[in-house]
């Protein structure tokens, strides 16, 4: 689209530069071209308005592009964090199972040790397999 409004189009044809040149020229070249053209007050105001609107349009386009790029980066980060969360949840599940196994093993060993202490320090051997008797 053009940086010009419909009412400004007719007047803009009297300007020494086209809308693209007005918007894209470096400010020194723009001011020099306006100075050489000996424009009237309204023509100067129109050229400056065209430049301002054009620059604003370009800035808005860049802003929208940066916003979309930022949203895409955030989406990627969100996906990476989701994968990391799943990995951590799986690791936590494994750690909880390992802890449960360790607690069960400690309870079994504790029961065995306490049983040995209760029996006077002898191992709990099934009947007929101890040191009693034959020798």
Protein backbone atom coordinates (compact mmCIF):
# COMPACT_ATOMS: atom_id res chain seq x y z
CA UNK A 1 0.00 0.00 0.00
CA UNK A 2 0.90 3.62 -0.42
CA UNK A 3 1.88 5.97 2.36
CA UNK A 4 -0.43 8.54 0.78
CA UNK A 5 -4.04 9.21 1.62
CA UNK A 6 -6.46 9.66 -1.30
CA UNK A 7 -6.66 13.45 -0.87
CA UNK A 8 -2.89 13.79 -0.70
CA UNK A 9 -2.29 11.77 -3.89
CA UNK A 10 -3.17 14.60 -6.26
CA UNK A 11 -0.98 17.13 -4.45
CA UNK A 12 1.85 14.61 -4.09
CA UNK A 13 2.26 14.48 -7.86
CA UNK A 14 3.65 18.04 -7.69
CA UNK A 15 6.47 16.94 -5.35
CA UNK A 16 9.96 16.43 -6.83
CA UNK A 17 10.29 12.95 -5.23
CA UNK A 18 8.05 9.89 -5.29
CA UNK A 19 6.63 8.50 -2.04
CA UNK A 20 9.21 5.69 -1.88
CA UNK A 21 12.09 8.16 -2.24
CA UNK A 22 10.53 10.50 0.32
CA UNK A 23 10.31 7.66 2.87
CA UNK A 24 13.58 5.87 2.12
CA UNK A 25 16.08 8.68 1.51
CA UNK A 26 18.50 9.48 4.34
CA UNK A 27 17.34 12.59 6.18
CA UNK A 28 20.19 14.74 4.78
CA UNK A 29 19.31 13.80 1.18
CA UNK A 30 15.61 14.29 1.87
CA UNK A 31 16.18 17.78 3.30
CA UNK A 32 18.55 18.66 0.45
CA UNK A 33 16.00 17.57 -2.17
CA UNK A 34 13.28 19.61 -0.47
CA UNK A 35 15.60 22.63 -0.33
CA UNK A 36 16.46 22.38 -4.05
CA UNK A 37 12.81 21.98 -5.03
CA UNK A 38 11.73 25.38 -3.61
CA UNK A 39 8.43 23.97 -2.37
CA UNK A 40 5.58 25.97 -0.88
CA UNK A 41 4.65 25.60 2.79
CA UNK A 42 1.80 23.16 2.13
CA UNK A 43 3.99 21.11 -0.23
CA UNK A 44 6.75 20.92 2.42
CA UNK A 45 4.18 19.89 5.03
CA UNK A 46 2.83 17.23 2.65
CA UNK A 47 6.31 15.84 1.93
CA UNK A 48 7.08 15.69 5.66
CA UNK A 49 3.71 14.08 6.37
CA UNK A 50 4.32 11.46 3.67
CA UNK A 51 7.77 10.75 5.16
CA UNK A 52 6.42 10.54 8.72
CA UNK A 53 3.58 8.21 7.75
CA UNK A 54 5.88 6.06 5.64
CA UNK A 55 8.49 5.77 8.40
CA UNK A 56 5.73 4.89 10.86
CA UNK A 57 4.40 2.21 8.51
CA UNK A 58 7.87 0.65 8.18
CA UNK A 59 8.37 0.81 11.96
CA UNK A 60 4.98 -0.87 12.52
CA UNK A 61 5.88 -3.65 10.07
CA UNK A 62 9.22 -4.23 11.85
CA UNK A 63 7.46 -4.23 15.21
CA UNK A 64 4.92 -6.83 14.04
CA UNK A 65 7.73 -8.98 12.60
CA UNK A 66 9.71 -8.79 15.87
CA UNK A 67 6.58 -9.67 17.83
CA UNK A 68 5.97 -12.74 15.65
CA UNK A 69 9.62 -13.78 15.98
CA UNK A 70 9.45 -13.35 19.76
CA UNK A 71 6.27 -15.43 19.89
CA UNK A 72 7.90 -18.18 17.82
CA UNK A 73 10.94 -18.18 20.13
CA UNK A 74 8.68 -18.38 23.18
CA UNK A 75 6.75 -21.24 21.57
CA UNK A 76 10.01 -23.13 20.99
CA UNK A 77 11.11 -22.45 24.57
CA UNK A 78 7.74 -23.65 25.86
CA UNK A 79 8.08 -26.90 23.91
CA UNK A 80 11.63 -27.42 25.22
CA UNK A 81 10.46 -26.76 28.78
CA UNK A 82 7.60 -29.23 28.29
CA UNK A 83 10.07 -31.90 27.20
CA UNK A 84 12.33 -31.08 30.18
CA UNK A 85 9.32 -31.31 32.51
CA UNK A 86 8.44 -34.76 31.17
CA UNK A 87 12.06 -35.89 31.58
CA UNK A 88 12.12 -34.62 35.17
CA UNK A 89 8.77 -36.24 35.99
CA UNK A 90 10.08 -39.56 34.69
CA UNK A 91 13.29 -39.18 36.72
CA UNK A 92 11.25 -38.35 39.82
CA UNK A 93 9.11 -41.45 39.29
CA UNK A 94 12.24 -43.61 39.01
CA UNK A 95 13.73 -41.98 42.13
CA UNK A 96 10.51 -42.58 44.08
CA UNK A 97 10.47 -46.27 43.03
CA UNK A 98 14.16 -46.60 43.98
CA UNK A 99 13.48 -44.96 47.36
CA UNK A 100 10.54 -47.29 47.95
CA UNK A 101 12.75 -50.31 47.11
CA UNK A 102 15.47 -49.04 49.47
CA UNK A 103 12.97 -48.53 52.29
CA UNK A 104 11.64 -52.06 51.77
CA UNK A 105 15.21 -53.46 51.81
CA UNK A 106 16.14 -51.46 54.95
CA UNK A 107 12.98 -52.68 56.67
CA UNK A 108 13.82 -56.29 55.75
CA UNK A 109 17.43 -55.96 56.98
CA UNK A 110 16.26 -54.19 60.15
CA UNK A 111 13.77 -56.97 60.85
CA UNK A 112 16.48 -59.57 60.28
CA UNK A 113 18.96 -57.78 62.59
CA UNK A 114 16.33 -57.26 65.30
CA UNK A 115 15.34 -60.93 64.99
CA UNK A 116 18.96 -61.97 65.44
CA UNK A 117 19.32 -59.75 68.52
CA UNK A 118 16.09 -61.13 69.99
CA UNK A 119 17.31 -64.70 69.48
CA UNK A 120 20.50 -63.98 71.38
CA UNK A 121 22.78 -63.23 68.47
CA UNK A 122 22.39 -66.51 66.58
CA UNK A 123 21.39 -66.56 62.97
CA UNK A 124 17.90 -67.66 62.10
CA UNK A 125 18.76 -70.95 60.45
CA UNK A 126 16.09 -73.45 59.58
CA UNK A 127 15.90 -76.43 61.97
CA UNK A 128 18.38 -79.21 61.29
CA UNK A 129 20.90 -77.01 59.47
CA UNK A 130 22.71 -75.39 62.45
CA UNK A 131 25.83 -76.47 64.42
CA UNK A 132 23.88 -78.30 67.11
CA UNK A 133 24.94 -81.83 67.74
CA UNK A 134 27.03 -83.68 65.19
CA UNK A 135 30.62 -82.83 65.41
